[in-house]
Amino acid sequence: MPLSSPVEREPVQTRKMECACFRRSDGMWDVEGRLTDVAAYSFPNYFRGMIPAGEPIHDMWIRLTLDASVEIREVEVKMDGVPYEGCPGIAAAFGRLKGLRIGPGWNRKIRELFGGPRGCVHVVDLLRPVATVGFKTVKREAGRLDKAPAERGDESPYQIDSCHMLAADGPIVRERWPDRYTGPRPATGE
């Protein structure tokens, strides 16, 4: 169902983020993301001169190669559209992601590593959905989500308490992961 009809308006700027994950022939996964910002009107830019309407102000790419434990094995960042000549110079800094594992605390970690002048706000913005897609895909692909706790060999399934439908005390967790359910238990003897 789409949003309600808005008042009369005109477009100004559109940001698109697209993420995709790929199974590799070597047993790892590539998760890729692209961020574009496009203005609906032409405007002057300090570095590029006039940026025509519809031409990306930002056009940035990232690829993370992940293993089955969601550890980042390789990182590649490219910047095809930038507002300043020196923007691509920060791309190599994102190599510091290599060896990190995507999971709890991810957003805090990327802010620590790449916040402010230590990174590029647009690549950092893109890292959030790229990490989410990579994490969920690899966890599912690695076949660990629906196994019993003894077979999982890890902590509670990541989905628990990630949204209102997957609350630890809710009906889906009670049905799907009864060993992780925290809600009321039926009285014994009934």
C-alpha atoms as a PDB file:
ATOM      1  CA  MET A   1       0.000   0.000   0.000  1.00  0.00           C
ATOM      2  CA  PRO A   2       1.588   3.314  -1.027  1.00  0.00           C
ATOM      3  CA  LEU A   3       1.690   6.416   1.153  1.00  0.00           C
ATOM      4  CA  SER A   4      -1.249   8.806   1.058  1.00  0.00           C
ATOM      5  CA  SER A   5      -1.389  11.437  -1.704  1.00  0.00           C
ATOM      6  CA  PRO A   6       0.859  14.403  -0.814  1.00  0.00           C
ATOM      7  CA  VAL A   7       0.180  18.084  -1.397  1.00  0.00           C
ATOM      8  CA  GLU A   8       1.443  19.476  -4.706  1.00  0.00           C
ATOM      9  CA  ARG A   9       5.231  19.384  -4.734  1.00  0.00           C
ATOM     10  CA  GLU A  10       8.304  19.155  -6.945  1.00  0.00           C
ATOM     11  CA  PRO A  11      11.327  16.846  -6.647  1.00  0.00           C
ATOM     12  CA  VAL A  12      14.547  18.231  -5.164  1.00  0.00           C
ATOM     13  CA  GLN A  13      16.981  15.381  -4.477  1.00  0.00           C
ATOM     14  CA  THR A  14      16.900  11.596  -4.592  1.00  0.00           C
ATOM     15  CA  ARG A  15      19.233   9.269  -2.729  1.00  0.00           C
ATOM     16  CA  LYS A  16      19.264   5.621  -3.713  1.00  0.00           C
ATOM     17  CA  MET A  17      21.022   2.813  -1.891  1.00  0.00           C
ATOM     18  CA  GLU A  18      21.063  -0.610  -3.424  1.00  0.00           C
ATOM     19  CA  CYS A  19      22.569  -3.699  -1.819  1.00  0.00           C
ATOM     20  CA  ALA A  20      22.980  -7.228  -3.140  1.00  0.00           C
ATOM     21  CA  CYS A  21      24.707 -10.356  -1.895  1.00  0.00           C
ATOM     22  CA  PHE A  22      26.315 -13.025  -4.079  1.00  0.00           C
ATOM     23  CA  ARG A  23      27.426 -16.591  -3.308  1.00  0.00           C
ATOM     24  CA  ARG A  24      30.981 -17.082  -4.598  1.00  0.00           C
ATOM     25  CA  SER A  25      32.443 -20.258  -6.070  1.00  0.00           C
ATOM     26  CA  ASP A  26      35.112 -20.312  -3.309  1.00  0.00           C
ATOM     27  CA  GLY A  27      32.573 -20.682  -0.471  1.00  0.00           C
ATOM     28  CA  MET A  28      32.490 -17.005   0.512  1.00  0.00           C
ATOM     29  CA  TRP A  29      29.986 -14.230  -0.197  1.00  0.00           C
ATOM     30  CA  ASP A  30      30.297 -10.786  -1.775  1.00  0.00           C
ATOM     31  CA  VAL A  31      27.914  -8.122  -0.552  1.00  0.00           C
ATOM     32  CA  GLU A  32      27.889  -4.985  -2.664  1.00  0.00           C
ATOM     33  CA  GLY A  33      26.295  -1.614  -2.223  1.00  0.00           C
ATOM     34  CA  ARG A  34      25.900   1.501  -4.293  1.00  0.00           C
ATOM     35  CA  LEU A  35      24.835   4.963  -3.118  1.00  0.00           C
ATOM     36  CA  THR A  36      23.771   7.696  -5.523  1.00  0.00           C
ATOM     37  CA  ASP A  37      22.548  11.226  -4.820  1.00  0.00           C
ATOM     38  CA  VAL A  38      20.911  13.063  -7.715  1.00  0.00           C
ATOM     39  CA  ALA A  39      19.475  16.594  -7.693  1.00  0.00           C
ATOM     40  CA  ALA A  40      16.451  17.480  -9.799  1.00  0.00           C
ATOM     41  CA  TYR A  41      18.045  20.781 -10.839  1.00  0.00           C
ATOM     42  CA  SER A  42      21.481  21.928 -12.034  1.00  0.00           C
ATOM     43  CA  PHE A  43      23.714  23.637  -9.487  1.00  0.00           C
ATOM     44  CA  PRO A  44      27.305  24.891  -9.177  1.00  0.00           C
ATOM     45  CA  ASN A  45      29.866  22.744  -7.359  1.00  0.00           C
ATOM     46  CA  TYR A  46      33.222  23.926  -6.011  1.00  0.00           C
ATOM     47  CA  PHE A  47      35.178  21.092  -7.662  1.00  0.00           C
ATOM     48  CA  ARG A  48      33.128  19.981 -10.671  1.00  0.00           C
ATOM     49  CA  GLY A  49      31.665  23.262 -11.823  1.00  0.00           C
ATOM     50  CA  MET A  50      28.018  22.987 -12.861  1.00  0.00           C
ATOM     51  CA  ILE A  51      26.476  19.616 -11.998  1.00  0.00           C
ATOM     52  CA  PRO A  52      23.581  19.054 -14.404  1.00  0.00           C
ATOM     53  CA  ALA A  53      20.166  17.946 -13.134  1.00  0.00           C
ATOM     54  CA  GLY A  54      20.054  14.157 -12.993  1.00  0.00           C
ATOM     55  CA  GLU A  55      23.843  13.665 -12.859  1.00  0.00           C
ATOM     56  CA  PRO A  56      24.958  11.987  -9.607  1.00  0.00           C
ATOM     57  CA  ILE A  57      26.489  14.278  -7.011  1.00  0.00           C
ATOM     58  CA  HIS A  58      27.619  11.113  -5.217  1.00  0.00           C
ATOM     59  CA  ASP A  59      28.062   7.733  -6.896  1.00  0.00           C
ATOM     60  CA  MET A  60      29.879   5.386  -4.533  1.00  0.00           C
ATOM     61  CA  TRP A  61      30.350   1.636  -4.371  1.00  0.00           C
ATOM     62  CA  ILE A  62      31.524  -0.845  -1.754  1.00  0.00           C
ATOM     63  CA  ARG A  63      32.126  -4.601  -1.845  1.00  0.00           C
ATOM     64  CA  LEU A  64      32.735  -6.683   1.278  1.00  0.00           C
ATOM     65  CA  THR A  65      33.821 -10.310   0.892  1.00  0.00           C
ATOM     66  CA  LEU A  66      32.535 -12.355   3.846  1.00  0.00           C
ATOM     67  CA  ASP A  67      33.280 -15.843   5.122  1.00  0.00           C
ATOM     68  CA  ALA A  68      30.777 -18.152   6.861  1.00  0.00           C
ATOM     69  CA  SER A  69      31.423 -16.471  10.227  1.00  0.00           C
ATOM     70  CA  VAL A  70      30.583 -13.060   8.671  1.00  0.00           C
ATOM     71  CA  GLU A  71      34.210 -11.966   8.948  1.00  0.00           C
ATOM     72  CA  ILE A  72      35.244  -9.424   6.334  1.00  0.00           C
ATOM     73  CA  ARG A  73      38.012 -10.926   4.212  1.00  0.00           C
ATOM     74  CA  GLU A  74      38.297  -8.269   1.476  1.00  0.00           C
ATOM     75  CA  VAL A  75      37.092  -4.674   1.017  1.00  0.00           C
ATOM     76  CA  GLU A  76      36.824  -2.559  -2.103  1.00  0.00           C
ATOM     77  CA  VAL A  77      35.528   1.035  -2.273  1.00  0.00           C
ATOM     78  CA  LYS A  78      35.154   3.054  -5.485  1.00  0.00           C
ATOM     79  CA  MET A  79      33.916   6.603  -5.956  1.00  0.00           C
ATOM     80  CA  ASP A  80      32.692   7.466  -9.458  1.00  0.00           C
ATOM     81  CA  GLY A  81      30.828  10.656  -8.556  1.00  0.00           C
ATOM     82  CA  VAL A  82      32.182  12.977  -5.862  1.00  0.00           C
ATOM     83  CA  PRO A  83      31.758  16.638  -4.929  1.00  0.00           C
ATOM     84  CA  TYR A  84      35.485  17.201  -4.166  1.00  0.00           C
ATOM     85  CA  GLU A  85      38.639  16.104  -5.956  1.00  0.00           C
ATOM     86  CA  GLY A  86      40.138  14.500  -2.840  1.00  0.00           C
ATOM     87  CA  CYS A  87      37.111  12.355  -1.925  1.00  0.00           C
ATOM     88  CA  PRO A  88      38.491   9.124  -3.463  1.00  0.00           C
ATOM     89  CA  GLY A  89      41.611   9.497  -1.302  1.00  0.00           C
ATOM     90  CA  ILE A  90      39.761   8.094   1.719  1.00  0.00           C
ATOM     91  CA  ALA A  91      38.698   4.872  -0.050  1.00  0.00           C
ATOM     92  CA  ALA A  92      41.791   2.930   1.065  1.00  0.00           C
ATOM     93  CA  ALA A  93      41.052   3.733   4.737  1.00  0.00           C
ATOM     94  CA  PHE A  94      38.056   1.399   4.556  1.00  0.00           C
ATOM     95  CA  GLY A  95      40.532  -1.466   4.248  1.00  0.00           C
ATOM     96  CA  ARG A  96      40.576  -1.313   8.072  1.00  0.00           C
ATOM     97  CA  LEU A  97      37.318  -3.283   7.917  1.00  0.00           C
ATOM     98  CA  LYS A  98      39.288  -6.357   6.874  1.00  0.00           C
ATOM     99  CA  GLY A  99      39.284  -8.899   9.701  1.00  0.00           C
ATOM    100  CA  LEU A 100      36.243  -7.416  11.476  1.00  0.00           C
ATOM    101  CA  ARG A 101      33.140  -9.534  12.042  1.00  0.00           C
ATOM    102  CA  ILE A 102      29.707  -8.061  11.319  1.00  0.00           C
ATOM    103  CA  GLY A 103      27.423  -8.392  14.334  1.00  0.00           C
ATOM    104  CA  PRO A 104      26.390  -6.614  17.523  1.00  0.00           C
ATOM    105  CA  GLY A 105      28.092  -3.228  17.907  1.00  0.00           C
ATOM    106  CA  TRP A 106      28.707  -2.858  14.156  1.00  0.00           C
ATOM    107  CA  ASN A 107      27.355   0.702  13.860  1.00  0.00           C
ATOM    108  CA  ARG A 108      29.365   1.831  16.883  1.00  0.00           C
ATOM    109  CA  LYS A 109      32.524   0.271  15.456  1.00  0.00           C
ATOM    110  CA  ILE A 110      32.189   1.948  12.052  1.00  0.00           C
ATOM    111  CA  ARG A 111      31.548   5.321  13.736  1.00  0.00           C
ATOM    112  CA  GLU A 112      34.733   4.822  15.796  1.00  0.00           C
ATOM    113  CA  LEU A 113      36.789   3.869  12.738  1.00  0.00           C
ATOM    114  CA  PHE A 114      35.343   6.225  10.130  1.00  0.00           C
ATOM    115  CA  GLY A 115      33.398   8.965  11.910  1.00  0.00           C
ATOM    116  CA  GLY A 116      34.019  12.590  10.985  1.00  0.00           C
ATOM    117  CA  PRO A 117      37.332  13.283   9.230  1.00  0.00           C
ATOM    118  CA  ARG A 118      38.424   9.623   9.522  1.00  0.00           C
ATOM    119  CA  GLY A 119      36.090   8.528   6.722  1.00  0.00           C
ATOM    120  CA  CYS A 120      33.377   9.470   4.268  1.00  0.00           C
ATOM    121  CA  VAL A 121      29.882   9.967   5.641  1.00  0.00           C
ATOM    122  CA  HIS A 122      28.353   8.563   2.438  1.00  0.00           C
ATOM    123  CA  VAL A 123      30.348   5.314   2.520  1.00  0.00           C
ATOM    124  CA  VAL A 124      29.568   5.000   6.246  1.00  0.00           C
ATOM    125  CA  ASP A 125      25.861   5.471   5.453  1.00  0.00           C
ATOM    126  CA  LEU A 126      26.151   2.696   2.852  1.00  0.00           C
ATOM    127  CA  LEU A 127      27.989   0.339   5.221  1.00  0.00           C
ATOM    128  CA  ARG A 128      24.919   0.016   7.446  1.00  0.00           C
ATOM    129  CA  PRO A 129      22.566  -1.616   4.903  1.00  0.00           C
ATOM    130  CA  VAL A 130      25.432  -3.502   3.220  1.00  0.00           C
ATOM    131  CA  ALA A 131      26.322  -5.070   6.580  1.00  0.00           C
ATOM    132  CA  THR A 132      22.675  -5.936   7.289  1.00  0.00           C
ATOM    133  CA  VAL A 133      22.204  -7.642   3.915  1.00  0.00           C
ATOM    134  CA  GLY A 134      25.515  -9.474   4.237  1.00  0.00           C
ATOM    135  CA  PHE A 135      24.883 -10.596   7.810  1.00  0.00           C
ATOM    136  CA  LYS A 136      21.371 -11.888   7.168  1.00  0.00           C
ATOM    137  CA  THR A 137      22.287 -13.574   3.897  1.00  0.00           C
ATOM    138  CA  VAL A 138      25.408 -15.308   5.206  1.00  0.00           C
ATOM    139  CA  LYS A 139      23.688 -16.442   8.415  1.00  0.00           C
ATOM    140  CA  ARG A 140      20.831 -17.903   6.369  1.00  0.00           C
ATOM    141  CA  GLU A 141      23.123 -19.374   3.722  1.00  0.00           C
ATOM    142  CA  ALA A 142      25.420 -20.895   6.312  1.00  0.00           C
ATOM    143  CA  GLY A 143      22.363 -22.900   7.430  1.00  0.00           C
ATOM    144  CA  ARG A 144      22.525 -22.098  11.118  1.00  0.00           C
ATOM    145  CA  LEU A 145      19.267 -20.265  11.827  1.00  0.00           C
ATOM    146  CA  ASP A 146      16.816 -23.105  12.308  1.00  0.00           C
ATOM    147  CA  LYS A 147      19.086 -25.615  14.011  1.00  0.00           C
ATOM    148  CA  ALA A 148      18.736 -26.672  17.630  1.00  0.00           C
ATOM    149  CA  PRO A 149      20.955 -24.800  20.128  1.00  0.00           C
ATOM    150  CA  ALA A 150      23.439 -27.674  20.427  1.00  0.00           C
ATOM    151  CA  GLU A 151      23.823 -27.770  16.633  1.00  0.00           C
ATOM    152  CA  ARG A 152      24.033 -23.978  16.226  1.00  0.00           C
ATOM    153  CA  GLY A 153      27.211 -23.676  18.217  1.00  0.00           C
ATOM    154  CA  ASP A 154      26.552 -19.982  18.762  1.00  0.00           C
ATOM    155  CA  GLU A 155      24.438 -17.525  20.672  1.00  0.00           C
ATOM    156  CA  SER A 156      20.723 -16.971  20.303  1.00  0.00           C
ATOM    157  CA  PRO A 157      19.463 -16.468  16.737  1.00  0.00           C
ATOM    158  CA  TYR A 158      20.150 -12.867  15.765  1.00  0.00           C
ATOM    159  CA  GLN A 159      16.507 -12.183  14.880  1.00  0.00           C
ATOM    160  CA  ILE A 160      15.235 -12.441  18.457  1.00  0.00           C
ATOM    161  CA  ASP A 161      14.248  -8.999  19.783  1.00  0.00           C
ATOM    162  CA  SER A 162      15.179  -7.362  16.470  1.00  0.00           C
ATOM    163  CA  CYS A 163      11.569  -6.173  15.956  1.00  0.00           C
ATOM    164  CA  HIS A 164       8.148  -6.375  17.590  1.00  0.00           C
ATOM    165  CA  MET A 165       7.207  -9.544  15.669  1.00  0.00           C
ATOM    166  CA  LEU A 166      10.295 -11.367  16.931  1.00  0.00           C
ATOM    167  CA  ALA A 167      10.093 -10.325  20.591  1.00  0.00           C
ATOM    168  CA  ALA A 168      11.621 -12.953  22.901  1.00  0.00           C
ATOM    169  CA  ASP A 169       8.282 -13.189  24.734  1.00  0.00           C
ATOM    170  CA  GLY A 170       6.179 -13.355  21.561  1.00  0.00           C
ATOM    171  CA  PRO A 171       4.368 -16.148  19.743  1.00  0.00           C
ATOM    172  CA  ILE A 172       6.858 -16.512  16.872  1.00  0.00           C
ATOM    173  CA  VAL A 173       9.823 -17.084  19.195  1.00  0.00           C
ATOM    174  CA  ARG A 174       7.678 -19.408  21.365  1.00  0.00           C
ATOM    175  CA  GLU A 175       6.908 -21.481  18.230  1.00  0.00           C
ATOM    176  CA  ARG A 176      10.202 -21.267  16.341  1.00  0.00           C
ATOM    177  CA  TRP A 177      12.790 -21.171  19.137  1.00  0.00           C
ATOM    178  CA  PRO A 178      11.041 -22.463  22.274  1.00  0.00           C
ATOM    179  CA  ASP A 179      14.374 -22.739  24.112  1.00  0.00           C
ATOM    180  CA  ARG A 180      14.794 -18.949  23.710  1.00  0.00           C
ATOM    181  CA  TYR A 181      11.216 -17.962  24.604  1.00  0.00           C
ATOM    182  CA  THR A 182      10.977 -15.674  27.657  1.00  0.00           C
ATOM    183  CA  GLY A 183       7.212 -15.128  27.913  1.00  0.00           C
ATOM    184  CA  PRO A 184       4.705 -16.755  30.203  1.00  0.00           C
ATOM    185  CA  ARG A 185       4.679 -20.534  30.222  1.00  0.00           C
ATOM    186  CA  PRO A 186       1.459 -22.510  30.415  1.00  0.00           C
ATOM    187  CA  ALA A 187       0.710 -23.748  33.915  1.00  0.00           C
ATOM    188  CA  THR A 188       1.708 -27.363  34.388  1.00  0.00           C
ATOM    189  CA  GLY A 189      -1.057 -29.882  34.973  1.00  0.00           C
ATOM    190  CA  GLU A 190      -3.582 -28.127  32.754  1.00  0.00           C
END
